[in-house]
């Protein structure tokens, strides 16, 4: 057995902010014996207001930090905008397997849907990219996307169970279902196309029509990562009780990251380390 397979592998997880900690949470639950390095490029968010070229540069620099500086042997892009607009650039920038969140989310919808009609809620930047619609179409699905710009700030405000948030969700989903009905579609699956949205899943599940499956793209990405990762690096045996090794990095606002990150991660983030990736 080589040294690489004998030691705990390092998985790098990248997001433009800290919403991607929901993906990290799902990964830790499935691969507790791995090492994890998470980077939130908080100094340069939001990515959605930047050009595709700038997003690709920022994402590639973040990926290179995780691989070159933290020794990541596998990379999960826990950012819908970067997955939609910069996945090819990231794959070109690093010599390790790279997985985004959009393809796994669309694949989970394919498995869950019987009608072939799928709803997607996401940020404006992700919706404008039409990445989910394209991924759904490639799987024989009809995907209808809707931007829900109020949901991220409500999550970051901590209003994950607030009546105001529940009402906002109801309005968005009513509009989306009305659009689907107007097109003669019968959607039976809803993809959460933003890594903040898993914190709203209880409210969302109460708001969807009976029988509609809610697809958590963070969970779907973690499942896909386990399948792909296990095909490249073997996890060490006999260390199931060992505490997961986790380091978190941010390019700005480490105090905010530490304060809000625990709700996304489901555990304390620990001391978040500040890194400078340039302008």
Protein backbone atom coordinates (compact mmCIF):
# COMPACT_ATOMS: atom_id res chain seq x y z
CA UNK A 1 0.00 0.00 0.00
CA UNK A 2 1.36 3.37 -0.96
CA UNK A 3 1.81 6.24 1.43
CA UNK A 4 -1.04 8.07 -0.32
CA UNK A 5 -3.56 5.32 0.38
CA UNK A 6 -2.27 4.60 3.90
CA UNK A 7 -2.76 8.11 5.24
CA UNK A 8 -6.01 10.02 5.56
CA UNK A 9 -6.65 11.84 2.27
CA UNK A 10 -7.31 15.57 2.10
CA UNK A 11 -10.46 16.85 0.44
CA UNK A 12 -10.58 20.50 -0.53
CA UNK A 13 -13.96 22.24 -0.52
CA UNK A 14 -14.38 25.68 -2.06
CA UNK A 15 -17.13 28.31 -2.01
CA UNK A 16 -17.28 32.02 -2.69
CA UNK A 17 -18.68 32.41 0.85
CA UNK A 18 -19.66 30.03 3.62
CA UNK A 19 -22.90 28.54 2.28
CA UNK A 20 -20.79 25.68 0.95
CA UNK A 21 -20.34 24.53 4.53
CA UNK A 22 -23.60 22.64 4.00
CA UNK A 23 -21.77 20.55 1.40
CA UNK A 24 -18.85 20.10 3.79
CA UNK A 25 -21.28 18.99 6.49
CA UNK A 26 -22.67 16.31 4.18
CA UNK A 27 -19.16 15.21 3.21
CA UNK A 28 -17.97 14.92 6.81
CA UNK A 29 -20.98 12.74 7.62
CA UNK A 30 -20.01 10.35 4.82
CA UNK A 31 -16.20 10.51 5.04
CA UNK A 32 -15.39 11.13 8.72
CA UNK A 33 -11.87 9.74 8.42
CA UNK A 34 -10.76 12.16 5.72
CA UNK A 35 -9.04 15.49 6.25
CA UNK A 36 -10.92 18.55 5.02
CA UNK A 37 -9.75 22.01 4.01
CA UNK A 38 -12.53 24.53 3.32
CA UNK A 39 -11.94 27.89 1.67
CA UNK A 40 -14.49 30.69 1.51
CA UNK A 41 -13.42 33.48 -0.84
CA UNK A 42 -15.31 36.03 1.24
CA UNK A 43 -13.18 39.00 0.17
CA UNK A 44 -14.38 38.71 -3.43
CA UNK A 45 -18.01 37.71 -3.11
CA UNK A 46 -20.58 37.89 -4.52
CA UNK A 47 -19.33 36.02 -7.56
CA UNK A 48 -22.68 36.47 -9.27
CA UNK A 49 -22.02 40.15 -10.01
CA UNK A 50 -18.69 39.39 -11.74
CA UNK A 51 -17.93 38.43 -15.33
CA UNK A 52 -17.42 34.78 -16.27
CA UNK A 53 -13.72 35.49 -16.87
CA UNK A 54 -13.26 37.02 -13.40
CA UNK A 55 -15.20 34.23 -11.71
CA UNK A 56 -13.00 31.68 -13.48
CA UNK A 57 -9.84 33.44 -12.29
CA UNK A 58 -11.02 33.73 -8.70
CA UNK A 59 -12.18 30.12 -8.59
CA UNK A 60 -8.96 28.81 -10.16
CA UNK A 61 -6.85 30.71 -7.63
CA UNK A 62 -8.90 29.30 -4.76
CA UNK A 63 -8.62 25.79 -6.15
CA UNK A 64 -4.86 26.14 -6.53
CA UNK A 65 -4.56 27.28 -2.90
CA UNK A 66 -6.37 24.17 -1.69
CA UNK A 67 -4.31 21.83 -3.85
CA UNK A 68 -0.87 23.45 -3.65
CA UNK A 69 -0.94 24.87 -0.13
CA UNK A 70 -3.23 22.38 1.65
CA UNK A 71 -2.43 19.24 -0.31
CA UNK A 72 -6.00 18.54 -1.42
CA UNK A 73 -6.16 15.33 -3.45
CA UNK A 74 -9.76 15.88 -4.46
CA UNK A 75 -11.77 19.08 -4.89
CA UNK A 76 -15.47 19.75 -4.39
CA UNK A 77 -16.77 23.07 -5.74
CA UNK A 78 -19.47 23.85 -3.17
CA UNK A 79 -20.59 26.96 -5.04
CA UNK A 80 -23.35 26.93 -7.62
CA UNK A 81 -22.08 30.03 -9.43
CA UNK A 82 -18.53 28.69 -9.74
CA UNK A 83 -19.86 25.26 -10.72
CA UNK A 84 -22.01 26.85 -13.42
CA UNK A 85 -19.48 29.30 -14.84
CA UNK A 86 -15.98 28.12 -13.95
CA UNK A 87 -15.86 24.34 -13.61
CA UNK A 88 -13.78 23.88 -16.77
CA UNK A 89 -11.31 26.57 -15.66
CA UNK A 90 -10.93 24.92 -12.27
CA UNK A 91 -10.35 21.51 -13.83
CA UNK A 92 -7.67 23.02 -16.06
CA UNK A 93 -6.01 24.75 -13.09
CA UNK A 94 -5.47 21.73 -10.81
CA UNK A 95 -4.25 18.15 -11.37
CA UNK A 96 -6.83 16.48 -9.11
CA UNK A 97 -10.42 15.26 -9.61
CA UNK A 98 -12.95 18.10 -9.39
CA UNK A 99 -16.68 17.86 -8.74
CA UNK A 100 -19.27 20.65 -8.87
CA UNK A 101 -22.72 20.73 -7.30
CA UNK A 102 -24.97 21.18 -10.35
CA UNK A 103 -24.59 17.86 -12.15
CA UNK A 104 -25.18 15.82 -8.96
CA UNK A 105 -28.28 17.89 -8.17
CA UNK A 106 -29.71 17.32 -11.64
CA UNK A 107 -28.91 13.62 -11.47
CA UNK A 108 -30.66 13.30 -8.11
CA UNK A 109 -33.69 15.00 -9.67
CA UNK A 110 -33.66 12.49 -12.53
CA UNK A 111 -33.74 9.62 -10.07
CA UNK A 112 -36.49 11.22 -7.96
CA UNK A 113 -38.82 12.48 -10.71
CA UNK A 114 -41.45 10.30 -12.34
CA UNK A 115 -43.00 13.00 -14.51
CA UNK A 116 -39.72 14.38 -15.87
CA UNK A 117 -40.73 17.91 -14.90
CA UNK A 118 -38.44 19.55 -12.31
CA UNK A 119 -38.41 22.89 -10.50
CA UNK A 120 -35.16 24.63 -9.49
CA UNK A 121 -34.76 27.53 -7.07
CA UNK A 122 -31.41 29.29 -6.95
CA UNK A 123 -29.69 32.66 -6.88
CA UNK A 124 -30.05 35.03 -9.81
CA UNK A 125 -26.53 34.33 -11.09
CA UNK A 126 -27.10 30.57 -11.16
CA UNK A 127 -30.47 30.95 -12.85
CA UNK A 128 -29.04 33.36 -15.43
CA UNK A 129 -26.43 30.74 -16.34
CA UNK A 130 -29.20 28.19 -17.04
CA UNK A 131 -26.78 25.51 -15.86
CA UNK A 132 -29.48 23.53 -14.07
CA UNK A 133 -31.84 23.71 -17.04
CA UNK A 134 -29.05 22.43 -19.28
CA UNK A 135 -28.11 19.63 -16.87
CA UNK A 136 -31.78 18.64 -16.58
CA UNK A 137 -32.25 18.71 -20.36
CA UNK A 138 -29.22 16.46 -20.81
CA UNK A 139 -31.02 13.91 -18.63
CA UNK A 140 -34.32 14.11 -20.46
CA UNK A 141 -35.91 16.38 -17.86
CA UNK A 142 -37.74 19.68 -18.28
CA UNK A 143 -36.32 22.06 -15.70
CA UNK A 144 -37.91 25.39 -14.77
CA UNK A 145 -35.62 27.73 -12.84
CA UNK A 146 -36.52 30.61 -10.55
CA UNK A 147 -34.26 33.15 -8.85
CA UNK A 148 -35.09 33.66 -5.16
CA UNK A 149 -32.84 36.59 -4.18
CA UNK A 150 -34.37 37.18 -0.74
CA UNK A 151 -33.57 33.74 0.65
CA UNK A 152 -29.79 34.07 1.12
CA UNK A 153 -29.97 37.27 3.21
CA UNK A 154 -32.80 35.75 5.28
CA UNK A 155 -30.63 32.72 6.04
CA UNK A 156 -27.65 34.89 6.91
CA UNK A 157 -29.90 36.95 9.19
CA UNK A 158 -30.67 33.72 11.03
CA UNK A 159 -34.36 33.76 10.07
CA UNK A 160 -34.41 30.10 9.06
CA UNK A 161 -37.69 29.39 10.85
CA UNK A 162 -39.20 32.89 10.82
CA UNK A 163 -42.79 33.41 9.56
CA UNK A 164 -41.53 36.09 7.18
CA UNK A 165 -39.18 33.58 5.57
CA UNK A 166 -41.98 31.02 5.33
CA UNK A 167 -44.15 33.57 3.55
CA UNK A 168 -41.39 34.55 1.13
CA UNK A 169 -40.84 30.88 0.29
CA UNK A 170 -44.58 30.39 -0.26
CA UNK A 171 -44.74 33.35 -2.65
CA UNK A 172 -41.74 32.17 -4.67
CA UNK A 173 -43.05 28.60 -4.93
CA UNK A 174 -46.58 29.75 -5.81
CA UNK A 175 -45.14 31.79 -8.67
CA UNK A 176 -42.98 28.90 -9.83
CA UNK A 177 -45.80 26.36 -9.69
CA UNK A 178 -48.09 28.76 -11.54
CA UNK A 179 -45.47 29.09 -14.29
CA UNK A 180 -45.21 25.32 -14.54
CA UNK A 181 -48.98 24.93 -14.71
CA UNK A 182 -49.17 27.59 -17.42
CA UNK A 183 -46.79 25.48 -19.51
CA UNK A 184 -48.82 22.33 -18.93
CA UNK A 185 -46.13 20.73 -16.80
CA UNK A 186 -46.53 18.48 -13.77
CA UNK A 187 -43.39 18.92 -11.65
CA UNK A 188 -42.79 16.41 -8.89
CA UNK A 189 -39.27 17.40 -7.76
CA UNK A 190 -37.74 20.65 -6.50
CA UNK A 191 -33.97 21.16 -6.58
CA UNK A 192 -32.43 23.45 -3.96
CA UNK A 193 -29.87 25.09 -6.23
CA UNK A 194 -28.09 27.17 -3.60
CA UNK A 195 -25.96 25.94 -0.72
CA UNK A 196 -27.76 28.26 1.71
CA UNK A 197 -31.13 26.65 1.02
CA UNK A 198 -30.64 23.40 2.98
CA UNK A 199 -31.09 25.48 6.15
CA UNK A 200 -34.57 26.32 4.86
CA UNK A 201 -35.50 22.78 3.91
CA UNK A 202 -38.09 22.30 6.71
CA UNK A 203 -39.94 25.45 5.60
CA UNK A 204 -39.63 24.52 1.93
CA UNK A 205 -40.97 21.00 2.49
CA UNK A 206 -44.03 22.48 4.20
CA UNK A 207 -44.61 24.82 1.24
CA UNK A 208 -44.35 22.38 -1.67
CA UNK A 209 -47.37 20.47 -3.00
CA UNK A 210 -48.02 17.02 -1.57
CA UNK A 211 -45.87 14.37 -3.21
CA UNK A 212 -43.15 16.74 -4.45
CA UNK A 213 -39.64 15.57 -3.62
CA UNK A 214 -37.17 18.19 -2.35
CA UNK A 215 -33.63 17.59 -3.68
CA UNK A 216 -30.79 18.96 -1.56
CA UNK A 217 -27.94 19.59 -4.01
CA UNK A 218 -25.47 19.65 -1.09
CA UNK A 219 -26.43 16.09 -0.14
CA UNK A 220 -26.44 15.03 -3.78
CA UNK A 221 -22.96 16.48 -4.31
CA UNK A 222 -21.64 14.69 -1.23
CA UNK A 223 -23.05 11.38 -2.45
CA UNK A 224 -21.45 11.90 -5.86
CA UNK A 225 -18.16 12.91 -4.24
CA UNK A 226 -18.04 9.73 -2.19
CA UNK A 227 -18.53 7.61 -5.31
CA UNK A 228 -15.91 9.49 -7.31
CA UNK A 229 -13.46 9.96 -4.45
CA UNK A 230 -13.46 6.30 -3.44
CA UNK A 231 -12.50 5.44 -6.97
CA UNK A 232 -9.25 7.41 -6.66
CA UNK A 233 -8.01 7.17 -3.07
CA UNK A 234 -8.61 4.47 -0.48
CA UNK A 235 -9.66 5.60 2.98
CA UNK A 236 -7.55 4.23 5.86
CA UNK A 237 -9.12 1.46 7.92
CA UNK A 238 -9.30 1.20 11.67
CA UNK A 239 -9.79 4.90 12.44
CA UNK A 240 -13.56 5.18 12.53
CA UNK A 241 -13.54 6.78 15.96
CA UNK A 242 -10.94 9.39 15.04
CA UNK A 243 -12.23 12.95 15.06
CA UNK A 244 -12.49 14.52 11.63
CA UNK A 245 -9.62 16.86 10.81
CA UNK A 246 -10.96 20.17 9.54
CA UNK A 247 -9.36 23.50 8.70
CA UNK A 248 -11.34 26.49 7.50
CA UNK A 249 -9.90 29.44 5.59
CA UNK A 250 -11.43 32.72 4.47
CA UNK A 251 -10.11 35.64 2.46
CA UNK A 252 -12.00 38.17 4.62
CA UNK A 253 -14.52 38.48 7.47
CA UNK A 254 -13.25 35.56 9.54
CA UNK A 255 -15.27 36.72 12.55
CA UNK A 256 -18.51 36.57 10.56
CA UNK A 257 -17.45 33.20 9.15
CA UNK A 258 -16.91 31.80 12.63
CA UNK A 259 -20.17 33.31 13.90
CA UNK A 260 -22.45 32.11 11.12
CA UNK A 261 -20.54 29.11 9.89
CA UNK A 262 -21.51 26.79 12.72
CA UNK A 263 -25.19 26.90 11.68
CA UNK A 264 -24.23 25.75 8.17
CA UNK A 265 -21.69 23.18 9.32
CA UNK A 266 -23.70 21.84 12.24
CA UNK A 267 -20.65 22.11 14.50
CA UNK A 268 -18.16 24.84 15.45
CA UNK A 269 -15.91 25.84 12.59
CA UNK A 270 -12.98 26.31 14.92
CA UNK A 271 -10.52 29.11 14.35
CA UNK A 272 -10.92 30.34 10.77
CA UNK A 273 -7.57 31.25 9.19
CA UNK A 274 -7.25 34.38 7.06
CA UNK A 275 -5.51 33.98 3.68
CA UNK A 276 -4.73 36.49 0.95
CA UNK A 277 -5.25 35.32 -2.63
CA UNK A 278 -4.65 38.74 -4.16
CA UNK A 279 -7.04 41.12 -5.88
